[in-house]
């Protein structure tokens, strides 16, 4: 599933080509996504000038003059720019055609993503209860420490909770906990303030590094320019269960935690 760095990579890739452009039409070939694409999306968006492309958590907000298109890439979705006359392949469900001759094409083999319309996107039911963005001053170790008090849940699902902080998905939670030396199985409420301060720093550092490298290439993900991400080359633990630890040489262990695969080093993380 595309995580925050992959979504931000997509935003950075498509924004320069969309902002200031006018939509000539919207072609919907398949409406059956996680939630049905609105029947009147073509009417609402056609003729509109796109003002900006923003991101909130894993949602892309394509803001036009009269409203905002909320996009989520789901499990396997992608948004990329192509010439409007590019032949359509399988699973390419939507084209947002621009007057400049390009089209923003939405592809989603599993159809688990979303394209929704909202006049007030930040108060949309999908967005209004989200926690702070991890790369802002609203998120820090003090917040993690405060919200974790009294919680018996494991620390990994705790930092993946979107009400605590958005965008820390499985890949980057695994990597951040390794970098901070914290066992992902530890009870969230048992971890000290000092260790949470370190963990927050590592979350910020790793997410920022992943964004700069274009995200992590996992199966179907490519950025808005059609190019893959390269952060996977720098992963220390995610997806490496049974291999050696790059720090100490121990064998990395893979477990199930919160219904997700989780890899950690039994020597480096405690």
Protein backbone atom coordinates (compact mmCIF):
# COMPACT_ATOMS: atom_id res chain seq x y z
CA UNK A 1 0.00 0.00 0.00
CA UNK A 2 1.37 3.47 -0.84
CA UNK A 3 2.32 5.25 2.38
CA UNK A 4 2.82 8.94 3.13
CA UNK A 5 6.17 9.32 1.26
CA UNK A 6 4.70 7.62 -1.82
CA UNK A 7 1.65 9.89 -1.74
CA UNK A 8 3.81 12.99 -1.23
CA UNK A 9 6.02 11.85 -4.12
CA UNK A 10 2.92 11.62 -6.30
CA UNK A 11 1.79 15.09 -5.17
CA UNK A 12 5.14 16.63 -6.01
CA UNK A 13 5.15 14.89 -9.36
CA UNK A 14 1.71 15.99 -10.55
CA UNK A 15 1.32 19.41 -8.89
CA UNK A 16 3.48 21.45 -11.33
CA UNK A 17 1.46 20.12 -14.28
CA UNK A 18 -1.99 20.57 -12.70
CA UNK A 19 -1.81 23.87 -10.84
CA UNK A 20 -3.22 26.72 -12.92
CA UNK A 21 -4.60 24.38 -15.59
CA UNK A 22 -8.25 24.14 -16.57
CA UNK A 23 -10.12 20.83 -16.78
CA UNK A 24 -11.81 20.22 -20.12
CA UNK A 25 -13.62 17.00 -19.18
CA UNK A 26 -13.57 13.98 -16.87
CA UNK A 27 -13.78 10.50 -18.35
CA UNK A 28 -14.93 7.82 -15.88
CA UNK A 29 -14.65 4.28 -17.17
CA UNK A 30 -15.22 2.53 -13.84
CA UNK A 31 -17.05 4.09 -10.88
CA UNK A 32 -16.85 1.11 -8.54
CA UNK A 33 -13.93 2.02 -6.28
CA UNK A 34 -13.92 1.68 -2.48
CA UNK A 35 -16.68 4.28 -2.57
CA UNK A 36 -18.46 4.96 -5.88
CA UNK A 37 -17.14 7.90 -7.87
CA UNK A 38 -19.84 10.63 -7.84
CA UNK A 39 -22.12 10.46 -10.87
CA UNK A 40 -21.81 14.22 -11.41
CA UNK A 41 -18.01 14.48 -11.09
CA UNK A 42 -17.64 15.46 -14.75
CA UNK A 43 -20.20 18.26 -14.33
CA UNK A 44 -18.59 19.53 -11.12
CA UNK A 45 -14.97 19.48 -12.30
CA UNK A 46 -15.16 20.25 -16.02
CA UNK A 47 -14.35 23.89 -16.77
CA UNK A 48 -12.75 24.37 -13.37
CA UNK A 49 -9.25 25.75 -12.91
CA UNK A 50 -7.08 23.71 -10.56
CA UNK A 51 -5.70 26.04 -7.90
CA UNK A 52 -3.38 23.72 -5.97
CA UNK A 53 -2.58 20.12 -5.12
CA UNK A 54 -2.14 19.41 -1.40
CA UNK A 55 -1.85 16.35 0.81
CA UNK A 56 -3.48 15.45 4.11
CA UNK A 57 -2.19 12.17 5.53
CA UNK A 58 -2.46 9.71 2.61
CA UNK A 59 -5.15 11.73 0.84
CA UNK A 60 -4.40 13.99 -2.13
CA UNK A 61 -6.49 17.15 -2.29
CA UNK A 62 -6.84 18.53 -5.82
CA UNK A 63 -8.39 21.92 -5.15
CA UNK A 64 -10.42 23.55 -7.90
CA UNK A 65 -12.39 26.80 -7.90
CA UNK A 66 -15.70 25.25 -6.78
CA UNK A 67 -14.53 22.34 -4.64
CA UNK A 68 -11.90 19.70 -4.00
CA UNK A 69 -11.29 16.27 -5.44
CA UNK A 70 -10.19 13.95 -2.61
CA UNK A 71 -8.07 11.06 -3.86
CA UNK A 72 -6.80 8.01 -2.02
CA UNK A 73 -4.59 5.48 -3.79
CA UNK A 74 -5.87 2.50 -1.81
CA UNK A 75 -3.82 -0.69 -2.06
CA UNK A 76 -2.53 -0.41 -5.61
CA UNK A 77 -3.65 2.90 -7.08
CA UNK A 78 -1.58 5.48 -8.93
CA UNK A 79 -2.03 8.90 -10.48
CA UNK A 80 0.19 9.88 -13.38
CA UNK A 81 0.19 12.39 -16.20
CA UNK A 82 -0.03 11.17 -19.79
CA UNK A 83 -0.85 12.75 -23.15
CA UNK A 84 -4.63 12.84 -23.36
CA UNK A 85 -4.66 10.60 -26.44
CA UNK A 86 -2.61 7.82 -24.79
CA UNK A 87 -4.36 4.46 -25.36
CA UNK A 88 -6.16 3.17 -22.29
CA UNK A 89 -4.85 0.00 -20.66
CA UNK A 90 -6.59 -2.36 -18.26
CA UNK A 91 -7.44 -0.92 -14.82
CA UNK A 92 -7.08 2.72 -15.99
CA UNK A 93 -10.40 3.89 -14.63
CA UNK A 94 -10.44 7.71 -14.81
CA UNK A 95 -8.92 10.49 -16.94
CA UNK A 96 -9.04 14.11 -15.83
CA UNK A 97 -8.33 15.79 -19.16
CA UNK A 98 -6.70 19.22 -19.11
CA UNK A 99 -7.01 21.92 -21.75
CA UNK A 100 -3.22 21.77 -22.23
CA UNK A 101 -3.51 18.30 -23.77
CA UNK A 102 -2.43 16.22 -20.77
CA UNK A 103 -4.59 13.91 -18.71
CA UNK A 104 -4.28 12.90 -15.08
CA UNK A 105 -4.92 9.17 -15.27
CA UNK A 106 -6.06 7.13 -12.28
CA UNK A 107 -5.11 3.45 -12.33
CA UNK A 108 -6.20 0.96 -9.66
CA UNK A 109 -6.11 -2.81 -10.28
CA UNK A 110 -7.74 -3.64 -6.93
CA UNK A 111 -10.21 -0.73 -7.04
CA UNK A 112 -9.68 -0.03 -3.33
CA UNK A 113 -8.86 3.65 -3.76
CA UNK A 114 -11.19 6.65 -3.89
CA UNK A 115 -12.06 9.75 -5.90
CA UNK A 116 -14.55 11.89 -3.97
CA UNK A 117 -15.78 15.49 -4.22
CA UNK A 118 -16.07 17.88 -1.28
CA UNK A 119 -16.73 21.57 -0.75
CA UNK A 120 -15.03 21.46 2.67
CA UNK A 121 -12.41 18.67 2.47
CA UNK A 122 -10.73 19.11 5.85
CA UNK A 123 -14.11 18.55 7.52
CA UNK A 124 -14.94 15.54 5.36
CA UNK A 125 -15.71 12.46 7.44
CA UNK A 126 -12.52 10.76 6.19
CA UNK A 127 -10.23 13.63 7.23
CA UNK A 128 -11.66 15.53 10.17
CA UNK A 129 -10.49 13.17 12.93
CA UNK A 130 -6.92 12.72 11.69
CA UNK A 131 -3.94 13.47 13.93
CA UNK A 132 -1.11 15.89 13.10
CA UNK A 133 1.22 15.60 10.14
CA UNK A 134 4.50 13.94 11.23
CA UNK A 135 6.79 16.49 9.59
CA UNK A 136 5.26 19.49 11.36
CA UNK A 137 5.84 21.02 14.78
CA UNK A 138 2.48 19.65 15.93
CA UNK A 139 4.05 16.21 16.17
CA UNK A 140 6.88 15.40 18.59
CA UNK A 141 7.98 12.95 21.25
CA UNK A 142 6.08 14.78 23.96
CA UNK A 143 2.84 14.03 22.11
CA UNK A 144 3.73 10.35 21.86
CA UNK A 145 4.63 10.20 25.53
CA UNK A 146 1.47 11.99 26.66
CA UNK A 147 -0.95 9.93 24.55
CA UNK A 148 0.75 6.63 25.42
CA UNK A 149 0.31 6.86 29.18
CA UNK A 150 -1.75 3.96 30.49
CA UNK A 151 -1.89 2.17 27.12
CA UNK A 152 -1.12 -1.55 27.09
CA UNK A 153 -1.17 -1.89 23.29
CA UNK A 154 2.13 -2.54 21.53
CA UNK A 155 4.09 0.53 20.52
CA UNK A 156 4.08 -0.26 16.81
CA UNK A 157 0.28 -0.16 16.29
CA UNK A 158 0.21 2.84 18.65
CA UNK A 159 2.41 4.97 16.36
CA UNK A 160 0.46 3.69 13.33
CA UNK A 161 -2.80 5.04 14.76
CA UNK A 162 -3.90 7.96 12.54
CA UNK A 163 -5.43 9.69 15.56
CA UNK A 164 -1.96 9.83 17.14
CA UNK A 165 -0.04 10.87 14.03
CA UNK A 166 -0.84 10.40 10.36
CA UNK A 167 1.18 8.63 7.74
CA UNK A 168 3.36 6.31 9.84
CA UNK A 169 2.49 3.10 8.02
CA UNK A 170 3.95 -0.36 8.33
CA UNK A 171 7.19 0.24 6.42
CA UNK A 172 8.21 3.42 8.18
CA UNK A 173 7.01 2.39 11.65
CA UNK A 174 9.19 -0.72 11.34
CA UNK A 175 12.21 1.31 10.26
CA UNK A 176 11.73 4.08 12.86
CA UNK A 177 11.43 1.63 15.75
CA UNK A 178 14.63 -0.08 14.63
CA UNK A 179 16.46 3.25 14.37
CA UNK A 180 15.26 4.22 17.84
CA UNK A 181 16.21 0.80 19.30
CA UNK A 182 12.67 0.03 20.50
CA UNK A 183 11.17 -3.46 20.38
CA UNK A 184 7.86 -3.15 18.43
CA UNK A 185 6.17 -5.48 20.95
CA UNK A 186 6.78 -3.20 23.93
CA UNK A 187 3.69 -1.77 25.63
CA UNK A 188 3.25 1.83 24.51
CA UNK A 189 2.67 2.97 28.07
CA UNK A 190 5.93 1.45 29.32
CA UNK A 191 8.24 3.53 27.13
CA UNK A 192 9.99 6.54 28.64
CA UNK A 193 9.77 10.17 27.54
CA UNK A 194 13.41 10.12 26.42
CA UNK A 195 12.85 7.13 24.17
CA UNK A 196 9.73 8.71 22.66
CA UNK A 197 11.70 11.87 21.94
CA UNK A 198 14.20 9.71 20.04
CA UNK A 199 11.44 7.80 18.24
CA UNK A 200 9.74 10.98 17.04
CA UNK A 201 13.07 12.25 15.68
CA UNK A 202 13.59 9.01 13.78
CA UNK A 203 10.05 9.06 12.36
CA UNK A 204 10.66 12.56 11.01
CA UNK A 205 14.11 11.71 9.66
CA UNK A 206 13.07 8.50 7.93
CA UNK A 207 9.91 9.94 6.38
CA UNK A 208 11.81 12.98 5.11
CA UNK A 209 14.53 10.76 3.63
CA UNK A 210 11.95 8.52 1.95
CA UNK A 211 10.23 11.53 0.39
CA UNK A 212 13.51 12.85 -0.98
CA UNK A 213 14.24 9.46 -2.56
CA UNK A 214 10.84 9.20 -4.17
CA UNK A 215 9.24 6.72 -1.80
CA UNK A 216 9.66 2.97 -1.58
CA UNK A 217 9.15 0.70 -4.57
CA UNK A 218 6.64 -1.96 -3.54
CA UNK A 219 4.93 -3.92 -6.32
CA UNK A 220 2.76 -1.41 -8.20
CA UNK A 221 3.90 1.93 -6.81
CA UNK A 222 5.29 4.57 -9.14
CA UNK A 223 5.33 8.33 -8.68
CA UNK A 224 3.32 10.83 -10.68
CA UNK A 225 6.00 10.84 -13.36
CA UNK A 226 5.82 7.06 -13.74
CA UNK A 227 9.18 6.51 -12.04
CA UNK A 228 9.67 4.16 -9.07
CA UNK A 229 10.88 5.16 -5.64
CA UNK A 230 14.31 4.19 -4.37
CA UNK A 231 14.08 4.19 -0.57
CA UNK A 232 13.74 0.39 -0.52
CA UNK A 233 17.46 0.19 -1.13
CA UNK A 234 18.00 1.75 2.32
CA UNK A 235 15.62 -0.38 4.40
CA UNK A 236 17.26 -1.91 7.46
CA UNK A 237 14.56 -4.29 8.66
CA UNK A 238 11.27 -4.10 6.75
CA UNK A 239 10.82 -7.16 4.55
CA UNK A 240 14.14 -8.65 5.74
CA UNK A 241 12.95 -11.28 8.21
CA UNK A 242 15.49 -14.10 8.54
CA UNK A 243 18.31 -12.00 7.12
CA UNK A 244 21.20 -10.51 9.09
CA UNK A 245 21.00 -7.22 10.98
CA UNK A 246 23.04 -4.55 9.22
CA UNK A 247 24.07 -3.18 12.62
CA UNK A 248 25.02 -6.22 14.68
CA UNK A 249 24.81 -9.24 12.38
CA UNK A 250 22.07 -11.00 14.38
CA UNK A 251 19.25 -12.77 12.57
CA UNK A 252 16.22 -10.52 12.16
CA UNK A 253 12.95 -11.96 13.46
CA UNK A 254 9.57 -11.68 11.75
CA UNK A 255 6.35 -11.78 13.77
CA UNK A 256 2.68 -10.84 13.35
CA UNK A 257 1.72 -7.72 15.25
CA UNK A 258 -1.64 -6.04 14.87
CA UNK A 259 -2.35 -8.31 11.86
CA UNK A 260 0.77 -6.96 10.13
CA UNK A 261 4.14 -8.54 9.49
CA UNK A 262 6.75 -6.94 11.72
CA UNK A 263 10.51 -7.44 11.57
CA UNK A 264 12.91 -6.49 14.36
CA UNK A 265 16.39 -7.20 15.69
CA UNK A 266 16.33 -9.05 19.04
CA UNK A 267 19.71 -7.57 19.97
CA UNK A 268 19.41 -3.95 18.81
CA UNK A 269 15.79 -3.38 19.88
CA UNK A 270 14.62 -3.67 23.47
